[in-house]
PDB file of all heavy atoms in Angstrom:
ATOM      1  N   HIS A   1     -86.294-127.313 -20.974  1.00  0.00           N
ATOM      2  CA  HIS A   1     -87.531-126.660 -21.397  1.00  0.00           C
ATOM      3  C   HIS A   1     -87.747-126.830 -22.901  1.00  0.00           C
ATOM      4  O   HIS A   1     -88.845-127.175 -23.348  1.00  0.00           O
ATOM      5  CB  HIS A   1     -87.490-125.177 -21.033  1.00  0.00           C
ATOM      6  CG  HIS A   1     -88.685-124.408 -21.499  1.00  0.00           C
ATOM      7  ND1 HIS A   1     -89.845-124.311 -20.755  1.00  0.00           N
ATOM      8  CD2 HIS A   1     -88.920-123.708 -22.638  1.00  0.00           C
ATOM      9  CE1 HIS A   1     -90.732-123.576 -21.415  1.00  0.00           C
ATOM     10  NE2 HIS A   1     -90.190-123.206 -22.563  1.00  0.00           N
ATOM     11  N   SER A   2     -86.696-126.605 -23.682  1.00  0.00           N
ATOM     12  CA  SER A   2     -86.813-126.756 -25.135  1.00  0.00           C
ATOM     13  C   SER A   2     -87.015-128.213 -25.524  1.00  0.00           C
ATOM     14  O   SER A   2     -87.802-128.524 -26.434  1.00  0.00           O
ATOM     15  CB  SER A   2     -85.552-126.196 -25.819  1.00  0.00           C
ATOM     16  OG  SER A   2     -85.433-124.815 -25.585  1.00  0.00           O
ATOM     17  N   ASN A   3     -86.297-129.116 -24.838  1.00  0.00           N
ATOM     18  CA  ASN A   3     -86.472-130.542 -25.131  1.00  0.00           C
ATOM     19  C   ASN A   3     -87.919-130.969 -24.913  1.00  0.00           C
ATOM     20  O   ASN A   3     -88.509-131.690 -25.732  1.00  0.00           O
ATOM     21  CB  ASN A   3     -85.561-131.374 -24.225  1.00  0.00           C
ATOM     22  CG  ASN A   3     -84.089-131.128 -24.479  1.00  0.00           C
ATOM     23  OD1 ASN A   3     -83.697-130.522 -25.478  1.00  0.00           O
ATOM     24  ND2 ASN A   3     -83.256-131.596 -23.559  1.00  0.00           N
ATOM     25  N   LEU A   4     -88.493-130.558 -23.770  1.00  0.00           N
ATOM     26  CA  LEU A   4     -89.875-130.922 -23.451  1.00  0.00           C
ATOM     27  C   LEU A   4     -90.851-130.289 -24.436  1.00  0.00           C
ATOM     28  O   LEU A   4     -91.849-130.910 -24.830  1.00  0.00           O
ATOM     29  CB  LEU A   4     -90.207-130.497 -22.022  1.00  0.00           C
ATOM     30  CG  LEU A   4     -89.428-131.233 -20.918  1.00  0.00           C
ATOM     31  CD1 LEU A   4     -89.584-130.515 -19.587  1.00  0.00           C
ATOM     32  CD2 LEU A   4     -89.876-132.683 -20.794  1.00  0.00           C
ATOM     33  N   THR A   5     -90.564-129.061 -24.844  1.00  0.00           N
ATOM     34  CA  THR A   5     -91.424-128.378 -25.821  1.00  0.00           C
ATOM     35  C   THR A   5     -91.433-129.124 -27.147  1.00  0.00           C
ATOM     36  O   THR A   5     -92.502-129.364 -27.745  1.00  0.00           O
ATOM     37  CB  THR A   5     -90.955-126.934 -26.024  1.00  0.00           C
ATOM     38  OG1 THR A   5     -91.066-126.211 -24.784  1.00  0.00           O
ATOM     39  CG2 THR A   5     -91.785-126.223 -27.078  1.00  0.00           C
ATOM     40  N   ARG A   6     -90.247-129.502 -27.627  1.00  0.00           N
ATOM     41  CA  ARG A   6     -90.175-130.244 -28.890  1.00  0.00           C
ATOM     42  C   ARG A   6     -90.906-131.580 -28.787  1.00  0.00           C
ATOM     43  O   ARG A   6     -91.649-131.979 -29.707  1.00  0.00           O
ATOM     44  CB  ARG A   6     -88.722-130.498 -29.287  1.00  0.00           C
ATOM     45  CG  ARG A   6     -87.937-129.275 -29.715  1.00  0.00           C
ATOM     46  CD  ARG A   6     -86.629-129.668 -30.412  1.00  0.00           C
ATOM     47  NE  ARG A   6     -85.861-130.640 -29.657  1.00  0.00           N
ATOM     48  CZ  ARG A   6     -84.987-130.318 -28.689  1.00  0.00           C
ATOM     49  NH1 ARG A   6     -84.789-129.048 -28.371  1.00  0.00           N
ATOM     50  NH2 ARG A   6     -84.304-131.261 -28.068  1.00  0.00           N
ATOM     51  N   ALA A   7     -90.692-132.287 -27.683  1.00  0.00           N
ATOM     52  CA  ALA A   7     -91.318-133.605 -27.529  1.00  0.00           C
ATOM     53  C   ALA A   7     -92.834-133.498 -27.501  1.00  0.00           C
ATOM     54  O   ALA A   7     -93.534-134.307 -28.122  1.00  0.00           O
ATOM     55  CB  ALA A   7     -90.810-134.270 -26.245  1.00  0.00           C
ATOM     56  N   LEU A   8     -93.359-132.505 -26.785  1.00  0.00           N
ATOM     57  CA  LEU A   8     -94.809-132.349 -26.699  1.00  0.00           C
ATOM     58  C   LEU A   8     -95.386-131.936 -28.047  1.00  0.00           C
ATOM     59  O   LEU A   8     -96.433-132.447 -28.467  1.00  0.00           O
ATOM     60  CB  LEU A   8     -95.151-131.315 -25.628  1.00  0.00           C
ATOM     61  CG  LEU A   8     -96.644-131.134 -25.328  1.00  0.00           C
ATOM     62  CD1 LEU A   8     -97.268-132.430 -24.827  1.00  0.00           C
ATOM     63  CD2 LEU A   8     -96.844-130.007 -24.310  1.00  0.00           C
ATOM     64  N   ALA A   9     -94.709-131.032 -28.742  1.00  0.00           N
ATOM     65  CA  ALA A   9     -95.179-130.610 -30.062  1.00  0.00           C
ATOM     66  C   ALA A   9     -95.221-131.786 -31.029  1.00  0.00           C
ATOM     67  O   ALA A   9     -96.178-131.957 -31.798  1.00  0.00           O
ATOM     68  CB  ALA A   9     -94.270-129.504 -30.602  1.00  0.00           C
ATOM     69  N   HIS A  10     -94.193-132.619 -30.974  1.00  0.00           N
ATOM     70  CA  HIS A  10     -94.144-133.787 -31.855  1.00  0.00           C
ATOM     71  C   HIS A  10     -95.253-134.770 -31.519  1.00  0.00           C
ATOM     72  O   HIS A  10     -95.927-135.298 -32.412  1.00  0.00           O
ATOM     73  CB  HIS A  10     -92.775-134.455 -31.746  1.00  0.00           C
ATOM     74  CG  HIS A  10     -92.599-135.615 -32.670  1.00  0.00           C
ATOM     75  ND1 HIS A  10     -92.874-136.920 -32.304  1.00  0.00           N
ATOM     76  CD2 HIS A  10     -92.172-135.667 -33.962  1.00  0.00           C
ATOM     77  CE1 HIS A  10     -92.627-137.728 -33.317  1.00  0.00           C
ATOM     78  NE2 HIS A  10     -92.192-137.004 -34.336  1.00  0.00           N
ATOM     79  N   ARG A  11     -95.477-135.017 -30.222  1.00  0.00           N
ATOM     80  CA  ARG A  11     -96.497-135.985 -29.830  1.00  0.00           C
ATOM     81  C   ARG A  11     -97.892-135.504 -30.237  1.00  0.00           C
ATOM     82  O   ARG A  11     -98.726-136.303 -30.694  1.00  0.00           O
ATOM     83  CB  ARG A  11     -96.438-136.221 -28.322  1.00  0.00           C
ATOM     84  CG  ARG A  11     -97.599-137.057 -27.752  1.00  0.00           C
ATOM     85  CD  ARG A  11     -97.731-138.436 -28.429  1.00  0.00           C
ATOM     86  NE  ARG A  11     -96.615-139.288 -28.173  1.00  0.00           N
ATOM     87  CZ  ARG A  11     -96.585-140.234 -27.231  1.00  0.00           C
ATOM     88  NH1 ARG A  11     -97.649-140.438 -26.475  1.00  0.00           N
ATOM     89  NH2 ARG A  11     -95.524-140.989 -27.080  1.00  0.00           N
ATOM     90  N   LEU A  12     -98.159-134.222 -30.084  1.00  0.00           N
ATOM     91  CA  LEU A  12     -99.500-133.695 -30.360  1.00  0.00           C
ATOM     92  C   LEU A  12     -99.685-133.240 -31.802  1.00  0.00           C
ATOM     93  O   LEU A  12    -100.809-132.943 -32.214  1.00  0.00           O
ATOM     94  CB  LEU A  12     -99.800-132.523 -29.422  1.00  0.00           C
ATOM     95  CG  LEU A  12     -99.791-132.833 -27.921  1.00  0.00           C
ATOM     96  CD1 LEU A  12    -100.087-131.575 -27.125  1.00  0.00           C
ATOM     97  CD2 LEU A  12    -100.793-133.939 -27.593  1.00  0.00           C
ATOM     98  N   GLY A  13     -98.578-133.153 -32.563  1.00  0.00           N
ATOM     99  CA  GLY A  13     -98.673-132.668 -33.926  1.00  0.00           C
ATOM    100  C   GLY A  13     -99.074-131.209 -33.991  1.00  0.00           C
ATOM    101  O   GLY A  13     -99.804-130.792 -34.897  1.00  0.00           O
ATOM    102  N   ARG A  14     -98.569-130.421 -33.039  1.00  0.00           N
ATOM    103  CA  ARG A  14     -98.903-129.000 -32.972  1.00  0.00           C
ATOM    104  C   ARG A  14     -97.621-128.175 -32.971  1.00  0.00           C
ATOM    105  O   ARG A  14     -96.547-128.669 -32.632  1.00  0.00           O
ATOM    106  CB  ARG A  14     -99.743-128.713 -31.715  1.00  0.00           C
ATOM    107  CG  ARG A  14    -101.135-129.319 -31.791  1.00  0.00           C
ATOM    108  CD  ARG A  14    -101.791-129.455 -30.428  1.00  0.00           C
ATOM    109  NE  ARG A  14    -101.908-128.197 -29.711  1.00  0.00           N
ATOM    110  CZ  ARG A  14    -102.420-128.099 -28.482  1.00  0.00           C
ATOM    111  NH1 ARG A  14    -102.849-129.188 -27.849  1.00  0.00           N
ATOM    112  NH2 ARG A  14    -102.508-126.926 -27.893  1.00  0.00           N
ATOM    113  N   PRO A  15     -97.705-126.888 -33.352  1.00  0.00           N
ATOM    114  CA  PRO A  15     -96.493-126.048 -33.392  1.00  0.00           C
ATOM    115  C   PRO A  15     -95.879-125.879 -32.002  1.00  0.00           C
ATOM    116  O   PRO A  15     -96.585-125.879 -30.987  1.00  0.00           O
ATOM    117  CB  PRO A  15     -97.019-124.702 -33.922  1.00  0.00           C
ATOM    118  CG  PRO A  15     -98.308-125.022 -34.604  1.00  0.00           C
ATOM    119  CD  PRO A  15     -98.901-126.171 -33.864  1.00  0.00           C
ATOM    120  N   LYS A  16     -94.564-125.705 -31.973  1.00  0.00           N
ATOM    121  CA  LYS A  16     -93.862-125.573 -30.692  1.00  0.00           C
ATOM    122  C   LYS A  16     -94.347-124.368 -29.891  1.00  0.00           C
ATOM    123  O   LYS A  16     -94.530-124.458 -28.679  1.00  0.00           O
ATOM    124  CB  LYS A  16     -92.346-125.476 -30.932  1.00  0.00           C
ATOM    125  CG  LYS A  16     -91.704-126.749 -31.473  1.00  0.00           C
ATOM    126  CD  LYS A  16     -90.199-126.673 -31.451  1.00  0.00           C
ATOM    127  CE  LYS A  16     -89.635-125.681 -32.456  1.00  0.00           C
ATOM    128  NZ  LYS A  16     -89.848-126.121 -33.861  1.00  0.00           N
ATOM    129  N   ASP A  17     -94.565-123.222 -30.579  1.00  0.00           N
ATOM    130  CA  ASP A  17     -94.976-122.039 -29.824  1.00  0.00           C
ATOM    131  C   ASP A  17     -96.387-122.178 -29.264  1.00  0.00           C
ATOM    132  O   ASP A  17     -96.744-121.505 -28.293  1.00  0.00           O
ATOM    133  CB  ASP A  17     -94.854-120.774 -30.678  1.00  0.00           C
ATOM    134  CG  ASP A  17     -95.691-120.813 -31.945  1.00  0.00           C
ATOM    135  OD1 ASP A  17     -96.263-121.880 -32.270  1.00  0.00           O
ATOM    136  OD2 ASP A  17     -95.785-119.772 -32.620  1.00  0.00           O
ATOM    137  N   GLU A  18     -97.168-123.081 -29.823  1.00  0.00           N
ATOM    138  CA  GLU A  18     -98.521-123.309 -29.333  1.00  0.00           C
ATOM    139  C   GLU A  18     -98.538-124.181 -28.083  1.00  0.00           C
ATOM    140  O   GLU A  18     -99.341-123.966 -27.163  1.00  0.00           O
ATOM    141  CB  GLU A  18     -99.361-123.964 -30.435  1.00  0.00           C
ATOM    142  CG  GLU A  18    -100.820-124.162 -30.095  1.00  0.00           C
ATOM    143  CD  GLU A  18    -101.585-124.782 -31.248  1.00  0.00           C
ATOM    144  OE1 GLU A  18    -101.499-124.221 -32.364  1.00  0.00           O
ATOM    145  OE2 GLU A  18    -102.254-125.829 -31.053  1.00  0.00           O
ATOM    146  N   VAL A  19     -97.636-125.155 -28.016  1.00  0.00           N
ATOM    147  CA  VAL A  19     -97.638-126.063 -26.866  1.00  0.00           C
ATOM    148  C   VAL A  19     -96.695-125.611 -25.755  1.00  0.00           C
ATOM    149  O   VAL A  19     -96.811-126.084 -24.621  1.00  0.00           O
ATOM    150  CB  VAL A  19     -97.272-127.505 -27.288  1.00  0.00           C
ATOM    151  CG1 VAL A  19     -98.205-128.002 -28.377  1.00  0.00           C
ATOM    152  CG2 VAL A  19     -95.816-127.628 -27.716  1.00  0.00           C
ATOM    153  N   GLU A  20     -95.781-124.689 -26.058  1.00  0.00           N
ATOM    154  CA  GLU A  20     -94.782-124.291 -25.056  1.00  0.00           C
ATOM    155  C   GLU A  20     -95.396-123.855 -23.723  1.00  0.00           C
ATOM    156  O   GLU A  20     -94.858-124.205 -22.657  1.00  0.00           O
ATOM    157  CB  GLU A  20     -93.880-123.186 -25.606  1.00  0.00           C
ATOM    158  CG  GLU A  20     -92.785-122.787 -24.650  1.00  0.00           C
ATOM    159  CD  GLU A  20     -91.887-121.691 -25.191  1.00  0.00           C
ATOM    160  OE1 GLU A  20     -92.210-121.113 -26.260  1.00  0.00           O
ATOM    161  OE2 GLU A  20     -90.863-121.410 -24.539  1.00  0.00           O
ATOM    162  N   PRO A  21     -96.521-123.108 -23.702  1.00  0.00           N
ATOM    163  CA  PRO A  21     -97.080-122.713 -22.404  1.00  0.00           C
ATOM    164  C   PRO A  21     -97.514-123.880 -21.527  1.00  0.00           C
ATOM    165  O   PRO A  21     -97.691-123.705 -20.313  1.00  0.00           O
ATOM    166  CB  PRO A  21     -98.281-121.834 -22.800  1.00  0.00           C
ATOM    167  CG  PRO A  21     -97.935-121.291 -24.148  1.00  0.00           C
ATOM    168  CD  PRO A  21     -97.215-122.416 -24.823  1.00  0.00           C
ATOM    169  N   ALA A  22     -97.701-125.059 -22.112  1.00  0.00           N
ATOM    170  CA  ALA A  22     -98.102-126.225 -21.316  1.00  0.00           C
ATOM    171  C   ALA A  22     -96.918-126.867 -20.599  1.00  0.00           C
ATOM    172  O   ALA A  22     -97.111-127.661 -19.676  1.00  0.00           O
ATOM    173  CB  ALA A  22     -98.791-127.261 -22.200  1.00  0.00           C
ATOM    174  N   VAL A  23     -95.685-126.545 -21.015  1.00  0.00           N
ATOM    175  CA  VAL A  23     -94.495-127.077 -20.344  1.00  0.00           C
ATOM    176  C   VAL A  23     -94.349-126.361 -19.010  1.00  0.00           C
ATOM    177  O   VAL A  23     -94.496-125.143 -18.916  1.00  0.00           O
ATOM    178  CB  VAL A  23     -93.246-126.892 -21.229  1.00  0.00           C
ATOM    179  CG1 VAL A  23     -91.984-127.302 -20.487  1.00  0.00           C
ATOM    180  CG2 VAL A  23     -93.400-127.710 -22.511  1.00  0.00           C
ATOM    181  N   HIS A  24     -94.041-127.106 -17.964  1.00  0.00           N
ATOM    182  CA  HIS A  24     -94.149-126.576 -16.615  1.00  0.00           C
ATOM    183  C   HIS A  24     -92.988-127.022 -15.730  1.00  0.00           C
ATOM    184  O   HIS A  24     -92.158-127.842 -16.149  1.00  0.00           O
ATOM    185  CB  HIS A  24     -95.484-127.002 -15.994  1.00  0.00           C
ATOM    186  CG  HIS A  24     -95.749-128.472 -16.086  1.00  0.00           C
ATOM    187  ND1 HIS A  24     -96.271-129.070 -17.226  1.00  0.00           N
ATOM    188  CD2 HIS A  24     -95.566-129.477 -15.206  1.00  0.00           C
ATOM    189  CE1 HIS A  24     -96.391-130.365 -17.026  1.00  0.00           C
ATOM    190  NE2 HIS A  24     -95.969-130.646 -15.805  1.00  0.00           N
ATOM    191  N   ASP A  25     -92.950-126.483 -14.517  1.00  0.00           N
ATOM    192  CA  ASP A  25     -91.910-126.853 -13.565  1.00  0.00           C
ATOM    193  C   ASP A  25     -91.950-128.354 -13.309  1.00  0.00           C
ATOM    194  O   ASP A  25     -93.016-128.968 -13.277  1.00  0.00           O
ATOM    195  CB  ASP A  25     -92.073-126.087 -12.260  1.00  0.00           C
ATOM    196  CG  ASP A  25     -91.665-124.631 -12.399  1.00  0.00           C
ATOM    197  OD1 ASP A  25     -91.131-124.257 -13.453  1.00  0.00           O
ATOM    198  OD2 ASP A  25     -91.896-123.862 -11.437  1.00  0.00           O
ATOM    199  N   VAL A  26     -90.802-128.928 -13.069  1.00  0.00           N
ATOM    200  CA  VAL A  26     -90.581-130.363 -13.209  1.00  0.00           C
ATOM    201  C   VAL A  26     -90.347-131.049 -11.869  1.00  0.00           C
ATOM    202  O   VAL A  26     -90.107-130.416 -10.841  1.00  0.00           O
ATOM    203  CB  VAL A  26     -89.360-130.621 -14.119  1.00  0.00           C
ATOM    204  CG1 VAL A  26     -89.587-130.055 -15.503  1.00  0.00           C
ATOM    205  CG2 VAL A  26     -88.083-130.049 -13.494  1.00  0.00           C
ATOM    206  N   LEU A  27     -90.399-132.371 -11.915  1.00  0.00           N
ATOM    207  CA  LEU A  27     -89.746-133.210 -10.923  1.00  0.00           C
ATOM    208  C   LEU A  27     -88.369-133.535 -11.474  1.00  0.00           C
ATOM    209  O   LEU A  27     -88.244-134.114 -12.559  1.00  0.00           O
ATOM    210  CB  LEU A  27     -90.539-134.486 -10.666  1.00  0.00           C
ATOM    211  CG  LEU A  27     -89.803-135.593  -9.872  1.00  0.00           C
ATOM    212  CD1 LEU A  27     -89.371-135.098  -8.499  1.00  0.00           C
ATOM    213  CD2 LEU A  27     -90.669-136.842  -9.746  1.00  0.00           C
TER     214      LEU A  27
END
């Protein structure tokens, strides 16, 4: 969950706490 949050924040250039809700259940 944290790995995906960091990766998404880095890709979008947005804070981690802002993008964390977009991280979701996985395959």
